[in-house]
Protein backbone atom coordinates (compact mmCIF):
# COMPACT_ATOMS: atom_id res chain seq x y z
CA MET A 1 77.36 72.86 -152.40
CA LEU A 2 73.82 71.72 -151.60
CA GLU A 3 70.75 73.63 -152.66
CA PRO A 4 68.55 74.65 -149.72
CA ARG A 5 65.26 72.73 -149.75
CA GLY A 6 61.93 74.51 -150.35
CA ALA A 7 61.53 77.67 -148.26
CA GLY A 8 58.80 77.43 -145.66
CA LEU A 9 58.34 73.68 -146.21
CA ARG A 10 60.04 70.81 -144.46
CA GLY A 11 62.64 69.46 -146.86
CA LEU A 12 62.29 65.90 -145.58
CA ILE A 13 59.13 63.91 -145.07
CA ASP A 14 58.58 62.48 -141.60
CA ASP A 15 59.37 58.89 -142.61
CA GLU A 16 62.71 59.86 -144.14
CA LEU A 17 63.63 62.05 -141.17
CA GLY A 18 62.68 59.25 -138.78
CA ARG A 19 64.93 56.81 -140.65
CA ILE A 20 67.84 59.28 -140.51
CA LEU A 21 67.35 59.77 -136.78
CA GLU A 22 67.28 56.03 -136.09
CA GLN A 23 70.41 55.41 -138.16
CA HIS A 24 72.15 58.26 -136.39
CA LYS A 25 71.27 56.85 -132.98
CA VAL A 26 72.90 53.56 -133.97
CA PHE A 27 75.93 55.50 -135.25
CA PHE A 28 76.24 57.54 -132.05
CA GLU A 29 76.02 54.42 -129.91
CA ARG A 30 78.85 53.00 -132.04
CA ARG A 31 76.83 49.99 -133.13
CA SER A 32 77.11 48.40 -136.55
CA GLY A 33 74.77 49.57 -139.30
CA GLY A 34 74.61 53.14 -138.12
CA ARG A 35 75.15 56.26 -140.18
CA ARG A 36 76.01 59.79 -139.14
CA ALA A 37 73.14 62.17 -139.89
CA SER A 38 73.82 64.84 -142.47
CA LEU A 39 71.06 67.42 -142.71
CA LYS A 40 73.08 70.22 -144.27
CA PHE A 41 70.93 73.10 -145.52
CA GLU A 42 67.72 71.15 -144.91
CA ASN A 43 64.64 73.17 -144.02
CA LEU A 44 63.24 71.61 -140.85
CA SER A 45 61.46 74.70 -139.55
CA GLY A 46 58.75 73.85 -137.02
CA VAL A 47 59.85 70.22 -136.68
CA LYS A 48 59.31 68.49 -133.31
CA LEU A 49 62.50 66.76 -132.17
CA ALA A 50 62.21 67.11 -128.39
CA GLY A 51 64.36 64.55 -126.60
CA ARG A 52 65.93 63.16 -129.79
CA CYS A 53 69.66 62.66 -130.38
CA LEU A 54 71.63 64.38 -133.13
CA ALA A 55 74.91 64.55 -131.22
CA GLU A 56 77.89 64.84 -133.60
CA ALA A 57 75.52 65.26 -136.58
CA ASP A 58 76.26 67.58 -139.49
CA LEU A 59 73.59 70.28 -139.29
CA SER A 60 75.50 73.08 -140.98
CA GLY A 61 73.21 75.61 -142.59
CA VAL A 62 70.08 73.79 -141.41
CA ARG A 63 66.90 75.78 -140.88
CA LEU A 64 65.20 74.95 -137.58
CA CYS A 65 63.13 78.10 -137.12
CA ASN A 66 60.56 77.73 -134.31
CA ALA A 67 61.47 74.04 -133.99
CA ASP A 68 60.80 72.10 -130.77
CA LEU A 69 64.29 70.99 -129.71
CA ARG A 70 63.69 70.73 -125.97
CA SER A 71 66.08 68.41 -124.12
CA MET A 72 67.72 67.39 -127.40
CA ASP A 73 71.20 65.91 -127.41
CA LEU A 74 73.27 68.05 -129.79
CA ARG A 75 76.66 67.53 -128.18
CA GLY A 76 79.49 68.09 -130.62
CA ALA A 77 77.09 68.76 -133.49
CA ASN A 78 78.10 70.96 -136.41
CA LEU A 79 75.54 73.78 -136.55
CA PHE A 80 77.75 76.22 -138.43
CA GLY A 81 75.54 78.89 -140.00
CA ALA A 82 72.31 77.25 -138.83
CA ASP A 83 69.10 79.26 -138.46
CA LEU A 84 67.56 78.58 -135.04
CA THR A 85 65.37 81.67 -134.90
CA GLY A 86 62.66 81.19 -132.29
CA ALA A 87 63.65 77.55 -131.66
CA ASP A 88 62.91 76.05 -128.24
CA LEU A 89 66.17 74.56 -126.91
CA THR A 90 65.09 74.50 -123.27
CA GLY A 91 67.28 71.99 -121.40
CA ALA A 92 69.10 70.93 -124.57
CA ARG A 93 72.67 69.59 -124.46
CA LEU A 94 75.02 71.39 -126.83
CA GLU A 95 78.40 70.87 -125.15
CA GLY A 96 81.24 71.40 -127.61
CA ALA A 97 78.90 72.16 -130.51
CA ASP A 98 80.06 74.33 -133.43
CA LEU A 99 77.66 77.28 -133.42
CA ARG A 100 79.76 79.70 -135.44
CA GLY A 101 77.64 82.00 -137.53
CA VAL A 102 74.41 80.60 -136.06
CA THR A 103 71.36 82.77 -135.40
CA LEU A 104 69.56 82.14 -132.13
CA ARG A 105 67.45 85.27 -132.34
CA ASP A 106 64.53 85.00 -129.89
CA ALA A 107 65.43 81.34 -129.19
CA LYS A 108 64.68 79.69 -125.85
CA LEU A 109 67.84 78.37 -124.19
CA SER A 110 66.74 78.23 -120.58
CA ARG A 111 68.82 75.65 -118.64
CA ALA A 112 70.55 74.54 -121.85
CA ASP A 113 74.13 73.30 -121.56
CA LEU A 114 76.40 75.16 -123.98
CA THR A 115 79.69 74.39 -122.25
CA ARG A 116 82.68 75.13 -124.53
CA VAL A 117 80.48 75.85 -127.56
CA ASP A 118 82.00 77.89 -130.37
CA LEU A 119 79.78 80.92 -130.98
CA ARG A 120 82.38 83.07 -132.65
CA GLU A 121 81.65 85.18 -135.68
CA GLY A 122 81.15 83.13 -138.82
CA MET A 123 79.37 83.25 -142.14
CA LEU A 124 78.11 80.38 -144.28
CA MET A 125 77.14 80.72 -147.92
CA ALA A 126 74.56 78.56 -149.67
CA ALA A 127 73.75 78.15 -153.34
CA ALA A 128 70.27 79.16 -154.45
CA ASN A 129 69.22 79.30 -158.10
CA GLY A 130 72.84 79.36 -159.10
CA HIS A 131 73.68 82.28 -156.81
CA LEU A 132 75.49 82.39 -153.48
CA GLN A 133 73.56 83.74 -150.52
CA HIS A 134 73.99 83.83 -146.76
CA SER A 135 72.57 80.83 -144.92
CA HIS A 136 70.32 83.15 -142.88
CA LYS A 137 69.42 86.81 -142.91
CA ASP A 138 71.44 87.71 -139.79
CA ARG A 139 74.72 86.99 -141.62
CA GLY A 140 76.63 86.18 -138.44
CA THR A 141 76.40 84.84 -134.89
CA VAL A 142 73.32 86.34 -133.27
CA MET A 143 71.58 85.65 -129.96
CA GLU A 144 69.62 88.87 -129.85
CA GLY A 145 66.53 88.56 -127.67
CA ALA A 146 67.33 84.94 -126.78
CA ASP A 147 66.03 83.54 -123.49
CA ALA A 148 69.06 81.84 -121.94
CA ARG A 149 68.08 81.98 -118.28
CA GLY A 150 70.13 79.52 -116.25
CA ALA A 151 71.99 78.30 -119.34
CA THR A 152 75.49 76.90 -118.99
CA LEU A 153 78.02 78.63 -121.27
CA ARG A 154 81.24 77.88 -119.37
CA GLY A 155 84.28 78.43 -121.54
CA ALA A 156 82.14 79.36 -124.55
CA LYS A 157 83.71 81.26 -127.44
CA LEU A 158 81.50 84.28 -128.01
CA SER A 159 83.84 86.84 -129.54
CA LYS A 160 81.88 89.39 -131.62
CA ALA A 161 78.62 87.55 -130.90
CA VAL A 162 75.46 89.68 -130.82
CA LEU A 163 73.60 89.18 -127.54
CA LYS A 164 71.66 92.43 -127.46
CA GLN A 165 68.62 92.32 -125.17
CA ALA A 166 69.29 88.65 -124.42
CA ASP A 167 67.97 87.25 -121.13
CA LEU A 168 71.01 85.71 -119.45
CA ARG A 169 69.80 85.80 -115.87
CA ASP A 170 71.65 83.28 -113.70
CA ALA A 171 73.52 81.92 -116.73
CA ASP A 172 77.01 80.51 -116.24
CA LEU A 173 79.44 82.35 -118.53
CA SER A 174 82.51 81.73 -116.39
CA HIS A 175 85.79 81.77 -118.33
CA SER A 176 83.94 82.50 -121.57
CA ILE A 177 85.47 84.62 -124.33
CA LEU A 178 83.30 87.66 -125.04
CA VAL A 179 85.86 89.88 -126.76
CA ARG A 180 84.01 92.63 -128.70
CA ALA A 181 80.69 90.91 -128.02
CA ASN A 182 77.56 93.07 -128.12
CA LEU A 183 75.63 92.71 -124.84
CA ALA A 184 73.82 96.03 -125.02
CA ASN A 185 70.69 96.10 -122.85
CA ALA A 186 71.12 92.42 -121.99
CA ASP A 187 69.81 91.16 -118.64
CA LEU A 188 72.76 89.56 -116.84
CA THR A 189 71.21 89.56 -113.37
CA GLY A 190 72.95 86.94 -111.22
CA CYS A 191 75.11 85.86 -114.17
CA ASN A 192 78.42 84.13 -113.44
CA LEU A 193 81.11 85.92 -115.48
CA HIS A 194 84.02 84.82 -113.29
CA GLY A 195 87.23 84.92 -115.29
CA ALA A 196 85.44 85.95 -118.50
CA ASP A 197 87.26 87.99 -121.16
CA LEU A 198 85.09 91.03 -121.87
CA THR A 199 87.74 93.08 -123.65
CA ASP A 200 86.04 95.74 -125.82
CA ALA A 201 82.62 94.23 -125.06
CA ASN A 202 79.63 96.53 -125.43
CA MET A 203 77.53 96.27 -122.25
CA SER A 204 75.75 99.61 -122.56
CA GLY A 205 72.53 99.60 -120.60
CA ALA A 206 73.07 96.02 -119.42
CA ILE A 207 71.73 94.86 -116.05
CA LEU A 208 74.50 93.15 -114.09
CA ASP A 209 72.90 93.29 -110.65
CA GLY A 210 74.02 90.39 -108.47
CA ALA A 211 76.46 89.14 -111.10
CA THR A 212 79.89 87.68 -110.42
CA LEU A 213 82.69 89.43 -112.33
CA SER A 214 85.60 88.33 -110.16
CA GLY A 215 88.77 87.99 -112.21
CA ALA A 216 87.10 89.18 -115.42
CA ASN A 217 89.06 91.15 -118.02
CA MET A 218 87.15 94.42 -118.53
CA THR A 219 89.75 96.27 -120.60
CA SER A 220 88.00 98.89 -122.80
CA ALA A 221 84.60 97.37 -122.00
CA VAL A 222 81.69 99.80 -122.40
CA LEU A 223 79.40 99.84 -119.34
CA LYS A 224 77.65 103.11 -120.05
CA ARG A 225 74.31 103.31 -118.17
CA ALA A 226 74.82 99.72 -116.92
CA SER A 227 73.59 98.69 -113.47
CA LEU A 228 76.17 97.00 -111.21
CA LEU A 229 74.55 96.69 -107.79
CA GLY A 230 75.52 93.71 -105.66
CA VAL A 231 78.24 92.72 -108.14
CA LEU A 232 81.34 90.78 -107.05
CA LEU A 233 84.26 92.70 -108.55
CA ASP A 234 87.21 91.11 -106.75
CA GLU A 235 90.41 91.36 -108.78
CA VAL A 236 88.70 93.39 -111.51
CA ASP A 237 90.31 96.49 -113.00
CA LEU A 238 87.66 98.94 -114.18
CA SER A 239 90.06 101.82 -114.72
CA ARG A 240 90.07 101.33 -118.49
CA ALA A 241 86.37 100.59 -118.83
CA ASN A 242 83.77 103.18 -119.84
CA MET A 243 81.61 103.56 -116.73
CA ASP A 244 79.74 106.73 -117.74
CA GLU A 245 76.33 107.00 -116.06
CA SER A 246 76.62 103.47 -114.65
CA THR A 247 74.89 102.61 -111.37
CA MET A 248 77.33 101.48 -108.68
CA PRO A 249 77.59 101.72 -104.88
CA ARG A 250 78.60 105.22 -103.78
CA ARG A 251 79.71 106.93 -100.62
CA PRO A 252 76.95 108.68 -98.61
CA GLU A 253 76.50 112.38 -99.37
CA GLY A 254 75.35 113.34 -95.88
CA VAL A 255 75.71 112.03 -92.35
CA VAL A 256 74.20 108.56 -92.01
CA VAL A 257 73.27 109.09 -88.37
CA ASP A 258 70.95 111.94 -89.42
CA THR A 259 69.23 109.61 -91.89
CA VAL A 260 68.78 107.05 -89.11
CA LYS A 261 67.27 109.69 -86.76
CA LEU A 262 64.80 110.89 -89.38
CA HIS A 263 63.85 107.26 -90.02
CA ALA A 264 63.22 106.70 -86.31
CA THR A 265 60.87 109.69 -86.31
CA TRP A 266 59.15 108.31 -89.41
CA ILE A 267 58.55 104.98 -87.67
CA ALA A 268 57.37 106.54 -84.40
CA SER A 269 54.91 108.84 -86.21
CA ASN A 270 53.61 106.13 -88.57
CA GLY A 271 55.03 108.02 -91.49
CA GLU A 272 53.56 111.43 -90.61
CA ALA A 273 56.91 113.00 -89.71
CA GLY A 274 60.58 112.43 -90.43
CA ALA A 275 61.58 110.53 -93.57
CA ARG A 276 61.92 106.90 -94.58
CA ALA A 277 65.60 105.98 -94.84
CA ASP A 278 66.75 105.40 -98.40
CA LEU A 279 70.30 104.08 -98.36
CA SER A 280 70.02 102.21 -101.65
CA GLY A 281 73.40 101.78 -103.30
CA ILE A 282 75.21 103.52 -100.41
CA ASP A 283 78.63 102.20 -99.38
CA LEU A 284 78.48 101.60 -95.62
CA ALA A 285 81.38 99.15 -95.44
CA GLY A 286 82.68 98.82 -91.89
CA ALA A 287 80.02 101.16 -90.45
CA ASP A 288 78.96 100.91 -86.81
CA LEU A 289 75.19 100.39 -86.96
CA ARG A 290 74.72 98.52 -83.71
CA GLY A 291 71.16 98.58 -82.39
CA VAL A 292 69.78 100.87 -85.12
CA ASP A 293 66.15 100.59 -86.15
CA LEU A 294 65.97 100.56 -89.93
CA GLY A 295 62.74 98.65 -90.19
CA ALA A 296 61.16 99.07 -93.65
CA ALA A 297 64.21 101.06 -94.81
CA LEU A 298 65.48 100.92 -98.39
CA LEU A 299 69.00 99.49 -98.64
CA ARG A 300 68.85 97.82 -102.05
CA GLY A 301 72.37 97.31 -103.40
CA ALA A 302 74.00 98.90 -100.35
CA VAL A 303 77.45 97.79 -99.21
CA LEU A 304 77.47 96.50 -95.62
CA ARG A 305 80.69 94.54 -95.91
CA GLY A 306 82.21 94.17 -92.45
CA ALA A 307 79.60 96.47 -90.90
CA ASN A 308 78.53 95.91 -87.29
CA LEU A 309 74.74 95.54 -87.10
CA SER A 310 74.56 93.67 -83.81
CA GLY A 311 71.05 93.81 -82.39
CA ALA A 312 69.73 96.02 -85.20
CA SER A 313 66.18 95.87 -86.52
CA LEU A 314 65.78 95.50 -90.28
CA ALA A 315 62.30 94.01 -90.32
CA MET A 316 60.52 94.56 -93.65
CA ALA A 317 63.63 96.33 -95.02
CA ASP A 318 64.70 95.98 -98.63
CA LEU A 319 68.17 94.42 -98.48
CA SER A 320 68.15 92.88 -101.94
CA LEU A 321 71.56 92.88 -103.68
CA VAL A 322 73.28 93.99 -100.47
CA ASP A 323 76.97 93.13 -100.15
CA GLY A 324 77.17 92.09 -96.51
CA ARG A 325 80.22 89.87 -96.61
CA GLN A 326 81.76 89.35 -93.16
CA ALA A 327 79.08 91.57 -91.61
CA ILE A 328 78.52 91.23 -87.86
CA MET A 329 74.79 90.62 -87.38
CA PRO A 330 74.02 88.47 -84.32
CA GLY A 331 70.42 88.73 -83.22
CA VAL A 332 69.39 91.06 -86.05
CA ASN A 333 65.66 91.26 -86.72
CA LEU A 334 65.15 90.39 -90.40
CA ARG A 335 61.51 89.32 -90.19
CA GLY A 336 59.71 89.95 -93.45
CA ALA A 337 62.80 91.52 -95.04
CA ARG A 338 63.72 91.21 -98.72
CA LEU A 339 67.22 89.78 -99.17
CA GLU A 340 67.03 88.39 -102.72
CA ARG A 341 70.50 87.97 -104.21
CA ALA A 342 72.09 89.51 -101.12
CA ILE A 343 75.67 88.43 -100.34
CA PHE A 344 76.32 87.46 -96.74
CA ALA A 345 79.19 85.05 -97.29
CA GLY A 346 81.16 84.63 -94.09
CA ALA A 347 78.78 86.86 -92.14
CA MET A 348 78.15 86.38 -88.43
CA MET A 349 74.36 85.89 -88.36
CA SER A 350 73.83 83.70 -85.31
CA ALA A 351 70.35 83.87 -83.76
CA VAL A 352 69.00 86.21 -86.45
CA LEU A 353 65.24 86.51 -86.50
CA ALA A 354 64.23 85.75 -90.09
CA GLY A 355 60.85 84.15 -89.63
CA PRO A 356 57.62 85.55 -91.06
CA LEU A 357 56.25 88.91 -89.96
CA GLN A 358 52.59 89.05 -89.06
CA ILE A 359 50.78 91.96 -90.71
CA LEU A 360 47.24 92.95 -89.77
CA ARG A 361 46.89 89.67 -87.82
CA ARG A 362 46.01 87.58 -90.87
CA THR A 363 48.63 88.40 -93.49
CA GLU A 364 52.03 86.80 -93.07
CA CYS A 365 55.12 88.17 -94.79
CA PRO A 366 57.97 85.61 -94.98
CA THR A 367 61.61 86.61 -95.16
CA ASN A 368 62.86 86.37 -98.74
CA LEU A 369 66.41 85.01 -99.17
CA ALA A 370 65.98 83.64 -102.69
CA HIS A 371 69.31 83.40 -104.56
CA ALA A 372 71.11 84.80 -101.49
CA ARG A 373 74.78 83.89 -101.12
CA LEU A 374 75.37 82.68 -97.57
CA ALA A 375 78.42 80.46 -98.03
CA SER A 376 80.31 79.92 -94.76
CA ALA A 377 77.91 82.21 -92.90
CA CYS A 378 77.22 81.48 -89.24
CA LEU A 379 73.46 81.01 -88.84
CA ALA A 380 73.60 78.94 -85.68
CA GLY A 381 70.36 79.23 -83.75
CA ALA A 382 68.77 81.34 -86.49
CA GLU A 383 65.00 81.57 -86.79
CA LEU A 384 64.25 80.84 -90.46
CA VAL A 385 60.71 79.54 -90.17
CA ARG A 386 58.99 79.55 -93.60
CA ALA A 387 61.85 81.59 -95.04
CA LYS A 388 62.21 81.63 -98.83
CA LEU A 389 65.66 80.22 -99.61
CA ARG A 390 65.09 79.06 -103.17
CA ARG A 391 68.44 78.62 -104.98
CA ALA A 392 70.30 80.15 -102.04
CA ASP A 393 73.94 79.16 -101.59
CA LEU A 394 74.39 77.82 -98.05
CA SER A 395 77.52 75.79 -98.72
CA GLN A 396 79.67 75.32 -95.61
CA ALA A 397 77.20 77.43 -93.59
CA ASP A 398 76.72 76.77 -89.87
CA LEU A 399 73.03 76.07 -89.25
CA ARG A 400 73.39 74.21 -85.98
CA GLY A 401 70.23 74.53 -83.90
CA ALA A 402 68.51 76.73 -86.51
CA ASP A 403 64.78 76.47 -87.13
CA LEU A 404 63.98 75.93 -90.83
CA SER A 405 60.47 74.60 -90.28
CA GLY A 406 58.37 75.11 -93.39
CA ALA A 407 61.20 76.88 -95.20
CA SER A 408 61.51 76.66 -98.99
CA LEU A 409 64.96 75.36 -99.92
CA CYS A 410 64.19 74.35 -103.51
CA GLU A 411 67.44 73.97 -105.49
CA ALA A 412 69.46 75.47 -102.64
CA VAL A 413 73.15 74.55 -102.41
CA LEU A 414 73.80 72.72 -99.13
CA ARG A 415 77.26 71.26 -99.68
CA GLY A 416 79.10 70.87 -96.41
CA VAL A 417 76.39 72.63 -94.38
CA ASP A 418 76.24 71.84 -90.66
CA LEU A 419 72.66 70.79 -89.84
CA ARG A 420 73.17 69.29 -86.42
CA GLN A 421 70.08 69.76 -84.22
CA THR A 422 68.46 71.80 -87.00
CA ARG A 423 64.67 71.73 -87.23
CA MET A 424 63.44 71.12 -90.77
CA ASP A 425 59.83 70.04 -90.26
CA GLU A 426 57.88 70.36 -93.52
CA ALA A 427 60.78 72.17 -95.22
CA ASP A 428 60.71 71.90 -99.02
CA MET A 429 64.04 70.36 -100.08
CA THR A 430 63.12 69.73 -103.74
CA GLY A 431 66.19 69.71 -105.95
CA CYS A 432 68.64 70.57 -103.17
CA ILE A 433 72.28 70.25 -104.17
CA GLY A 434 74.70 68.44 -101.86
CA LEU A 435 72.15 66.87 -99.54
CA ALA A 436 71.80 63.09 -99.20
CA ALA A 437 68.16 62.26 -99.86
CA THR A 438 68.09 59.32 -97.49
CA ALA A 439 69.88 60.74 -94.48
CA GLY A 440 68.69 64.33 -94.80
CA ARG A 441 72.23 65.42 -94.21
CA PRO A 442 74.95 66.82 -96.48
CA ALA A 443 76.26 64.39 -99.08
């Protein structure tokens, strides 16, 4: 067993490390004269390896605390028991890597690809001064406080992993194994957990707003004080999960029509009488809300699935995290409304008015549809001038004759979208998915 190199000092000088990296590159490219890198138990804390390749290398027990590993190629690498505390792995490739027993405490993993990585519980011992000691102080697989926004963890093995307070917003954890994992107080906003195994997982205080949990196994999962607004729970059995004090859509306590009347009075009196409608988290599935004026109302996380809102006014309303699947909304006024992470898949939204709202003549408030899920929605003839559609899912949507002039569609999903006769003057299409760059039409 190797002795760990000097604590706090890089165990290898730059020239030696450079030679190892060059030989490994030749090895990985399967050219003659190469040699697989073995950096077991080396102390490389603070090293700058951004963009370098150590795919398939033996990095077991290595110390890479606060190292710059951005965009590194670590596919299939052995990082068993490695210490990556505070390391920057932004955009790194770690597909199939062995991360058992690794500590990623406070590491940056934004947009990293960890598909099929093994992050199960593990413990590596190292020899120091003739005595055995754990390879790092966490003594197990830890991602506590890690920033893994937008990371890809499809099919990852995370049983018993510690992900407390981790930032996993918009991460892809579909079909991952999280049995008995600790996700307490983690931020899983917009996270894809489709088909994940969360048996006995601790998700106390976690934020799951806008997440996808369809087909997940939640047997004996602890969701105490967790927030689950705008969550897709199709084919999910929560009967054996601990849901104490969790925030979920609920049936209205009073008569909704009375709330609407008080809101109308509030609007007519400029807020001096009546009461602003607060229907946040209220289940209004299938409700008849035709022609209602809920401008500036609060509907965050409400359920409007299959509701009829034909001709309604929702200008400046907060509709973030709303579940409006198959809602009937032709001609609805959505100018200046907030619809971040709202779900309107399959909704009838033809001719909706979702352009900017002019406030006090000079200030313009655009409609915010960032991260909204609009797959297969009918938006034919919709007014979406300068609308914010960053990372929105518009796959298979009908946008025939819509006006998207000046709209922001950065990283939006446009696979199979119908853009015939659609106006897109000065629209920002940076990073769009499924759109042919040359033709300006779906790929």
